[in-house]
Amino acid sequence: MWAFQGRSGFTGATSQRGPGYRNTFEAGVTREGVGDGREGVRMYGDTTVVRRRSGQLREQSVELRALADRLVAEVEALDWRGRAATDLAERVRDRAGNLRACAAQHDEGADLLDRHGHEVDRLQDLIATTEQRAARLLADGSLDDFVAPPPGHRDWLAVTLPGG
C-alpha cells in the first residue's frame, strides 16, 4: 500500500489496484447474495471483511494523525525566521488540521462499519434461530402448510411462528 518515501520521511499512499487486485466488497457478491447458485435476496455477508476494513480505517486514522504531527514538528524545527516562515508554519498547521479532520472521518467510518457488522451478525443469528425453530415445529407436526423461505434468506425475518 505504501509506495514512496520523500525527503521529509513522508510516505505517500498509492492505489492498490494492479495485477491480482480484488475488491473484497465486490468479489462474488450480487444483488441476490453471494454467488453460490441460490436464488433470491438473502441475508449474506462475511462480517470479518467488514471488521477488517474497519480496522484498516482505524490504522489509517492513526497514520494520518502521526503524519500531521510529524509535518508540524518538522516545520517548527526549522531554523528559519521571518514572514515566509510564519506563513509556511500557518499553512502546515492548517493542512495538519485537515489531516486530523480526515482521520476523525476515518474513525467515524470505522465505527459505522462496526455497527453495521454487529447488526448483520444479529440478523443472521435471528434468521438461524427462526430456521431452527421452524425445523423443530415442522418435525413435530406443529406447522401445517408452511412454506419455508430458502435457507439464510432475509424473508425468515418476517416469519412468525406459533409459540413465540
C-alpha atoms as a PDB file:
ATOM      1  CA  MET A   1       0.000   0.000   0.000  1.00  0.00           C
ATOM      2  CA  TRP A   2       2.799   2.427   0.827  1.00  0.00           C
ATOM      3  CA  ALA A   3       4.788   3.158  -2.253  1.00  0.00           C
ATOM      4  CA  PHE A   4       7.170   6.072  -1.921  1.00  0.00           C
ATOM      5  CA  GLN A   5       9.079   7.970   0.708  1.00  0.00           C
ATOM      6  CA  GLY A   6      10.110  11.579   0.215  1.00  0.00           C
ATOM      7  CA  ARG A   7      12.985  13.557   1.759  1.00  0.00           C
ATOM      8  CA  SER A   8      10.976  14.514   4.825  1.00  0.00           C
ATOM      9  CA  GLY A   9      10.114  10.900   5.604  1.00  0.00           C
ATOM     10  CA  PHE A  10       6.556  11.282   4.347  1.00  0.00           C
ATOM     11  CA  THR A  11       5.285   8.049   2.965  1.00  0.00           C
ATOM     12  CA  GLY A  12       2.585   8.506   0.352  1.00  0.00           C
ATOM     13  CA  ALA A  13      -0.194   6.116  -0.431  1.00  0.00           C
ATOM     14  CA  THR A  14      -0.784   4.772  -3.902  1.00  0.00           C
ATOM     15  CA  SER A  15      -3.603   2.745  -5.338  1.00  0.00           C
ATOM     16  CA  GLN A  16      -3.652  -0.943  -4.513  1.00  0.00           C
ATOM     17  CA  ARG A  17      -5.224  -1.713  -7.845  1.00  0.00           C
ATOM     18  CA  GLY A  18      -2.912  -3.648 -10.038  1.00  0.00           C
ATOM     19  CA  PRO A  19      -2.392  -7.239 -11.143  1.00  0.00           C
ATOM     20  CA  GLY A  20      -4.322  -9.502  -8.828  1.00  0.00           C
ATOM     21  CA  TYR A  21      -6.234  -6.670  -7.133  1.00  0.00           C
ATOM     22  CA  ARG A  22      -9.564  -7.865  -5.815  1.00  0.00           C
ATOM     23  CA  ASN A  23     -12.140  -5.614  -4.240  1.00  0.00           C
ATOM     24  CA  THR A  24     -13.491  -7.740  -1.398  1.00  0.00           C
ATOM     25  CA  PHE A  25     -16.741  -5.790  -1.343  1.00  0.00           C
ATOM     26  CA  GLU A  26     -17.474  -6.733  -4.952  1.00  0.00           C
ATOM     27  CA  ALA A  27     -15.935 -10.194  -5.222  1.00  0.00           C
ATOM     28  CA  GLY A  28     -18.636 -12.763  -5.833  1.00  0.00           C
ATOM     29  CA  VAL A  29     -21.408 -10.630  -4.412  1.00  0.00           C
ATOM     30  CA  THR A  30     -24.525  -9.972  -6.444  1.00  0.00           C
ATOM     31  CA  ARG A  31     -27.821  -8.291  -5.673  1.00  0.00           C
ATOM     32  CA  GLU A  32     -29.148 -11.759  -4.966  1.00  0.00           C
ATOM     33  CA  GLY A  33     -26.406 -12.583  -2.485  1.00  0.00           C
ATOM     34  CA  VAL A  34     -23.106 -14.376  -2.610  1.00  0.00           C
ATOM     35  CA  GLY A  35     -22.745 -16.088  -5.961  1.00  0.00           C
ATOM     36  CA  ASP A  36     -23.395 -19.638  -4.767  1.00  0.00           C
ATOM     37  CA  GLY A  37     -26.252 -20.538  -7.081  1.00  0.00           C
ATOM     38  CA  ARG A  38     -29.132 -19.986  -4.661  1.00  0.00           C
ATOM     39  CA  GLU A  39     -31.863 -17.660  -5.827  1.00  0.00           C
ATOM     40  CA  GLY A  40     -33.489 -14.721  -4.091  1.00  0.00           C
ATOM     41  CA  VAL A  41     -32.220 -11.864  -1.991  1.00  0.00           C
ATOM     42  CA  ARG A  42     -30.608 -13.390   1.069  1.00  0.00           C
ATOM     43  CA  MET A  43     -29.075 -12.028   4.212  1.00  0.00           C
ATOM     44  CA  TYR A  44     -25.458 -12.669   3.440  1.00  0.00           C
ATOM     45  CA  GLY A  45     -22.178 -11.209   4.323  1.00  0.00           C
ATOM     46  CA  ASP A  46     -18.875 -12.065   5.787  1.00  0.00           C
ATOM     47  CA  THR A  47     -18.642  -9.636   8.656  1.00  0.00           C
ATOM     48  CA  THR A  48     -14.952 -10.432   9.047  1.00  0.00           C
ATOM     49  CA  VAL A  49     -14.437  -8.465   5.814  1.00  0.00           C
ATOM     50  CA  VAL A  50     -16.356  -5.521   7.279  1.00  0.00           C
ATOM     51  CA  ARG A  51     -14.383  -5.712  10.516  1.00  0.00           C
ATOM     52  CA  ARG A  52     -11.094  -5.963   8.632  1.00  0.00           C
ATOM     53  CA  ARG A  53     -11.977  -2.821   6.658  1.00  0.00           C
ATOM     54  CA  SER A  54     -12.932  -1.095   9.901  1.00  0.00           C
ATOM     55  CA  GLY A  55      -9.528  -1.975  11.323  1.00  0.00           C
ATOM     56  CA  GLN A  56      -7.829  -0.647   8.204  1.00  0.00           C
ATOM     57  CA  LEU A  57      -9.674   2.650   8.552  1.00  0.00           C
ATOM     58  CA  ARG A  58      -8.573   2.908  12.186  1.00  0.00           C
ATOM     59  CA  GLU A  59      -4.959   2.208  11.225  1.00  0.00           C
ATOM     60  CA  GLN A  60      -5.145   4.867   8.527  1.00  0.00           C
ATOM     61  CA  SER A  61      -6.536   7.380  11.017  1.00  0.00           C
ATOM     62  CA  VAL A  62      -3.558   6.748  13.317  1.00  0.00           C
ATOM     63  CA  GLU A  63      -1.189   7.193  10.366  1.00  0.00           C
ATOM     64  CA  LEU A  64      -2.908  10.436   9.321  1.00  0.00           C
ATOM     65  CA  ARG A  65      -2.606  11.884  12.818  1.00  0.00           C
ATOM     66  CA  ALA A  66       1.043  10.858  13.020  1.00  0.00           C
ATOM     67  CA  LEU A  67       1.692  12.465   9.652  1.00  0.00           C
ATOM     68  CA  ALA A  68       0.024  15.694  10.795  1.00  0.00           C
ATOM     69  CA  ASP A  69       2.107  15.754  13.971  1.00  0.00           C
ATOM     70  CA  ARG A  70       5.304  14.994  12.066  1.00  0.00           C
ATOM     71  CA  LEU A  71       4.693  17.746   9.493  1.00  0.00           C
ATOM     72  CA  VAL A  72       4.032  20.356  12.168  1.00  0.00           C
ATOM     73  CA  ALA A  73       7.094  19.244  14.152  1.00  0.00           C
ATOM     74  CA  GLU A  74       9.322  19.405  11.077  1.00  0.00           C
ATOM     75  CA  VAL A  75       8.263  22.962  10.267  1.00  0.00           C
ATOM     76  CA  GLU A  76       8.636  24.076  13.887  1.00  0.00           C
ATOM     77  CA  ALA A  77      12.134  22.568  13.976  1.00  0.00           C
ATOM     78  CA  LEU A  78      13.318  24.645  11.010  1.00  0.00           C
ATOM     79  CA  ASP A  79      15.888  27.300  11.809  1.00  0.00           C
ATOM     80  CA  TRP A  80      14.095  29.856   9.688  1.00  0.00           C
ATOM     81  CA  ARG A  81      12.509  33.088  10.758  1.00  0.00           C
ATOM     82  CA  GLY A  82      10.530  35.766   9.009  1.00  0.00           C
ATOM     83  CA  ARG A  83       7.190  36.286   7.340  1.00  0.00           C
ATOM     84  CA  ALA A  84       7.620  33.402   4.876  1.00  0.00           C
ATOM     85  CA  ALA A  85       8.482  31.025   7.721  1.00  0.00           C
ATOM     86  CA  THR A  86       5.428  32.199   9.669  1.00  0.00           C
ATOM     87  CA  ASP A  87       3.194  31.789   6.613  1.00  0.00           C
ATOM     88  CA  LEU A  88       4.577  28.304   5.961  1.00  0.00           C
ATOM     89  CA  ALA A  89       4.051  27.272   9.578  1.00  0.00           C
ATOM     90  CA  GLU A  90       0.481  28.575   9.463  1.00  0.00           C
ATOM     91  CA  ARG A  91      -0.238  26.751   6.219  1.00  0.00           C
ATOM     92  CA  VAL A  92       1.244  23.490   7.548  1.00  0.00           C
ATOM     93  CA  ARG A  93      -0.806  23.762  10.769  1.00  0.00           C
ATOM     94  CA  ASP A  94      -3.909  24.316   8.629  1.00  0.00           C
ATOM     95  CA  ARG A  95      -3.112  21.257   6.495  1.00  0.00           C
ATOM     96  CA  ALA A  96      -2.374  19.248   9.631  1.00  0.00           C
ATOM     97  CA  GLY A  97      -5.814  20.219  10.919  1.00  0.00           C
ATOM     98  CA  ASN A  98      -7.300  18.925   7.663  1.00  0.00           C
ATOM     99  CA  LEU A  99      -5.405  15.652   8.080  1.00  0.00           C
ATOM    100  CA  ARG A 100      -6.714  15.305  11.639  1.00  0.00           C
ATOM    101  CA  ALA A 101     -10.270  16.003  10.422  1.00  0.00           C
ATOM    102  CA  CYS A 102      -9.804  13.318   7.777  1.00  0.00           C
ATOM    103  CA  ALA A 103      -8.544  10.951  10.492  1.00  0.00           C
ATOM    104  CA  ALA A 104     -11.676  11.688  12.537  1.00  0.00           C
ATOM    105  CA  GLN A 105     -13.803  10.797   9.492  1.00  0.00           C
ATOM    106  CA  HIS A 106     -11.894   7.530   9.159  1.00  0.00           C
ATOM    107  CA  ASP A 107     -12.687   6.769  12.816  1.00  0.00           C
ATOM    108  CA  GLU A 108     -16.346   7.605  12.250  1.00  0.00           C
ATOM    109  CA  GLY A 109     -16.445   5.353   9.185  1.00  0.00           C
ATOM    110  CA  ALA A 110     -14.846   2.544  11.190  1.00  0.00           C
ATOM    111  CA  ASP A 111     -17.464   2.974  13.931  1.00  0.00           C
ATOM    112  CA  LEU A 112     -20.245   2.816  11.340  1.00  0.00           C
ATOM    113  CA  LEU A 113     -18.778  -0.319   9.787  1.00  0.00           C
ATOM    114  CA  ASP A 114     -18.518  -1.915  13.236  1.00  0.00           C
ATOM    115  CA  ARG A 115     -22.169  -1.123  13.953  1.00  0.00           C
ATOM    116  CA  HIS A 116     -23.179  -2.492  10.560  1.00  0.00           C
ATOM    117  CA  GLY A 117     -21.218  -5.691  11.185  1.00  0.00           C
ATOM    118  CA  HIS A 118     -22.892  -6.164  14.576  1.00  0.00           C
ATOM    119  CA  GLU A 119     -26.329  -5.631  13.030  1.00  0.00           C
ATOM    120  CA  VAL A 120     -25.629  -8.124  10.226  1.00  0.00           C
ATOM    121  CA  ASP A 121     -24.445 -10.669  12.811  1.00  0.00           C
ATOM    122  CA  ARG A 122     -27.568 -10.059  14.892  1.00  0.00           C
ATOM    123  CA  LEU A 123     -29.880 -10.538  11.899  1.00  0.00           C
ATOM    124  CA  GLN A 124     -28.043 -13.643  10.726  1.00  0.00           C
ATOM    125  CA  ASP A 125     -28.371 -15.122  14.221  1.00  0.00           C
ATOM    126  CA  LEU A 126     -32.078 -14.258  14.243  1.00  0.00           C
ATOM    127  CA  ILE A 127     -32.552 -15.937  10.859  1.00  0.00           C
ATOM    128  CA  ALA A 128     -30.712 -19.066  12.039  1.00  0.00           C
ATOM    129  CA  THR A 129     -32.760 -19.202  15.242  1.00  0.00           C
ATOM    130  CA  THR A 130     -36.032 -18.843  13.318  1.00  0.00           C
ATOM    131  CA  GLU A 131     -34.958 -21.540  10.840  1.00  0.00           C
ATOM    132  CA  GLN A 132     -34.122 -23.926  13.690  1.00  0.00           C
ATOM    133  CA  ARG A 133     -37.447 -23.278  15.459  1.00  0.00           C
ATOM    134  CA  ALA A 134     -39.331 -23.825  12.204  1.00  0.00           C
ATOM    135  CA  ALA A 135     -37.464 -27.088  11.600  1.00  0.00           C
ATOM    136  CA  ARG A 136     -38.396 -28.323  15.095  1.00  0.00           C
ATOM    137  CA  LEU A 137     -42.048 -27.316  14.611  1.00  0.00           C
ATOM    138  CA  LEU A 138     -42.161 -28.990  11.184  1.00  0.00           C
ATOM    139  CA  ALA A 139     -40.581 -32.149  12.604  1.00  0.00           C
ATOM    140  CA  ASP A 140     -43.168 -32.478  15.373  1.00  0.00           C
ATOM    141  CA  GLY A 141     -46.065 -31.629  13.026  1.00  0.00           C
ATOM    142  CA  SER A 142     -46.954 -28.289  14.624  1.00  0.00           C
ATOM    143  CA  LEU A 143     -46.819 -26.406  11.323  1.00  0.00           C
ATOM    144  CA  ASP A 144     -49.323 -27.099   8.594  1.00  0.00           C
ATOM    145  CA  ASP A 145     -48.987 -25.691   5.091  1.00  0.00           C
ATOM    146  CA  PHE A 146     -45.815 -23.816   5.994  1.00  0.00           C
ATOM    147  CA  VAL A 147     -43.630 -22.892   3.057  1.00  0.00           C
ATOM    148  CA  ALA A 148     -40.187 -22.083   4.320  1.00  0.00           C
ATOM    149  CA  PRO A 149     -38.046 -19.416   2.648  1.00  0.00           C
ATOM    150  CA  PRO A 150     -34.707 -20.607   1.295  1.00  0.00           C
ATOM    151  CA  PRO A 151     -32.008 -21.167   3.942  1.00  0.00           C
ATOM    152  CA  GLY A 152     -30.444 -17.911   5.081  1.00  0.00           C
ATOM    153  CA  HIS A 153     -32.941 -15.813   3.136  1.00  0.00           C
ATOM    154  CA  ARG A 154     -33.923 -12.471   4.611  1.00  0.00           C
ATOM    155  CA  ASP A 155     -37.612 -13.475   4.352  1.00  0.00           C
ATOM    156  CA  TRP A 156     -37.009 -15.507   7.541  1.00  0.00           C
ATOM    157  CA  LEU A 157     -37.050 -12.171   9.370  1.00  0.00           C
ATOM    158  CA  ALA A 158     -40.751 -11.793   8.542  1.00  0.00           C
ATOM    159  CA  VAL A 159     -41.732 -15.357   9.562  1.00  0.00           C
ATOM    160  CA  THR A 160     -43.996 -15.560  12.604  1.00  0.00           C
ATOM    161  CA  LEU A 161     -44.073 -18.951  14.261  1.00  0.00           C
ATOM    162  CA  PRO A 162     -46.555 -20.195  16.841  1.00  0.00           C
ATOM    163  CA  GLY A 163     -45.452 -20.059  20.460  1.00  0.00           C
ATOM    164  CA  GLY A 164     -43.049 -17.252  20.193  1.00  0.00           C
END
